[in-house]
């Protein structure tokens, strides 16, 4: 799954992909309500917009593709 995740990051360079080890970064597991590994969280403007639990490459691909189509805020929109 790690290789697949890396390939997604290459395919969608405008999306920031992060790998977080919840055993190393204390508090993330509880704060983000992670109950199983792997868990993929899709975040926009610090808000979770989707969550995929489990190593389902097809589902992850589909959801990331949909996420990539979400409009990005311009600097003007943020002001």
Protein backbone atom coordinates (compact mmCIF):
# COMPACT_ATOMS: atom_id res chain seq x y z
CA UNK A 1 0.00 0.00 0.00
CA UNK A 2 2.93 2.35 0.66
CA UNK A 3 3.98 2.23 -3.00
CA UNK A 4 0.43 2.91 -4.13
CA UNK A 5 0.23 5.88 -1.76
CA UNK A 6 3.51 7.25 -3.16
CA UNK A 7 2.20 6.89 -6.72
CA UNK A 8 -0.95 8.83 -5.80
CA UNK A 9 1.25 11.62 -4.45
CA UNK A 10 3.11 11.74 -7.76
CA UNK A 11 -0.12 11.69 -9.77
CA UNK A 12 -1.64 14.57 -7.78
CA UNK A 13 1.25 16.97 -7.08
CA UNK A 14 -1.12 19.79 -6.05
CA UNK A 15 -2.30 17.69 -3.07
CA UNK A 16 -0.13 17.36 0.03
CA UNK A 17 0.22 13.70 1.03
CA UNK A 18 1.50 12.94 4.53
CA UNK A 19 2.30 9.67 6.23
CA UNK A 20 1.90 9.83 10.00
CA UNK A 21 2.98 7.06 12.37
CA UNK A 22 0.40 7.34 15.16
CA UNK A 23 2.75 5.47 17.50
CA UNK A 24 5.41 8.13 16.97
CA UNK A 25 3.17 11.22 16.92
CA UNK A 26 1.21 10.92 20.14
CA UNK A 27 -2.29 12.31 20.23
CA UNK A 28 -2.99 12.10 16.50
CA UNK A 29 -4.80 8.78 16.80
CA UNK A 30 -7.34 10.12 19.30
CA UNK A 31 -7.64 13.60 17.81
CA UNK A 32 -8.34 12.24 14.32
CA UNK A 33 -10.43 9.28 15.59
CA UNK A 34 -8.17 6.65 14.01
CA UNK A 35 -9.33 3.20 15.08
CA UNK A 36 -7.62 1.00 12.46
CA UNK A 37 -4.60 1.06 10.19
CA UNK A 38 -4.35 2.19 7.55
CA UNK A 39 -6.69 5.16 7.78
CA UNK A 40 -6.62 7.83 5.10
CA UNK A 41 -8.00 11.27 5.91
CA UNK A 42 -8.77 13.80 3.22
CA UNK A 43 -8.55 17.29 4.65
CA UNK A 44 -9.40 20.67 3.13
CA UNK A 45 -8.82 23.92 5.00
CA UNK A 46 -8.19 21.96 8.23
CA UNK A 47 -11.54 20.17 7.92
CA UNK A 48 -11.89 16.45 7.30
CA UNK A 49 -13.93 15.96 4.12
CA UNK A 50 -13.50 12.19 3.75
CA UNK A 51 -12.11 9.16 5.54
CA UNK A 52 -11.09 5.78 4.13
CA UNK A 53 -10.37 2.95 6.56
CA UNK A 54 -8.51 -0.09 5.28
CA UNK A 55 -6.15 -0.93 2.45
CA UNK A 56 -8.60 -0.66 -0.45
CA UNK A 57 -6.52 0.79 -3.29
CA UNK A 58 -9.45 1.13 -5.71
CA UNK A 59 -11.56 3.03 -3.19
CA UNK A 60 -8.65 5.25 -2.18
CA UNK A 61 -7.93 6.05 -5.85
CA UNK A 62 -11.59 6.90 -6.47
CA UNK A 63 -11.89 9.17 -3.44
CA UNK A 64 -8.59 10.96 -4.05
CA UNK A 65 -9.62 11.57 -7.67
CA UNK A 66 -12.90 13.11 -6.45
CA UNK A 67 -11.02 15.13 -3.83
CA UNK A 68 -8.65 16.42 -6.52
CA UNK A 69 -11.65 17.83 -8.40
CA UNK A 70 -12.78 19.95 -5.44
CA UNK A 71 -12.31 23.65 -6.14
CA UNK A 72 -9.27 25.21 -4.53
CA UNK A 73 -9.64 28.49 -2.67
CA UNK A 74 -7.73 31.38 -4.12
CA UNK A 75 -5.86 33.80 -1.88
CA UNK A 76 -8.60 36.32 -2.69
CA UNK A 77 -11.32 33.92 -1.46
CA UNK A 78 -9.48 33.46 1.84
CA UNK A 79 -9.35 37.21 2.56
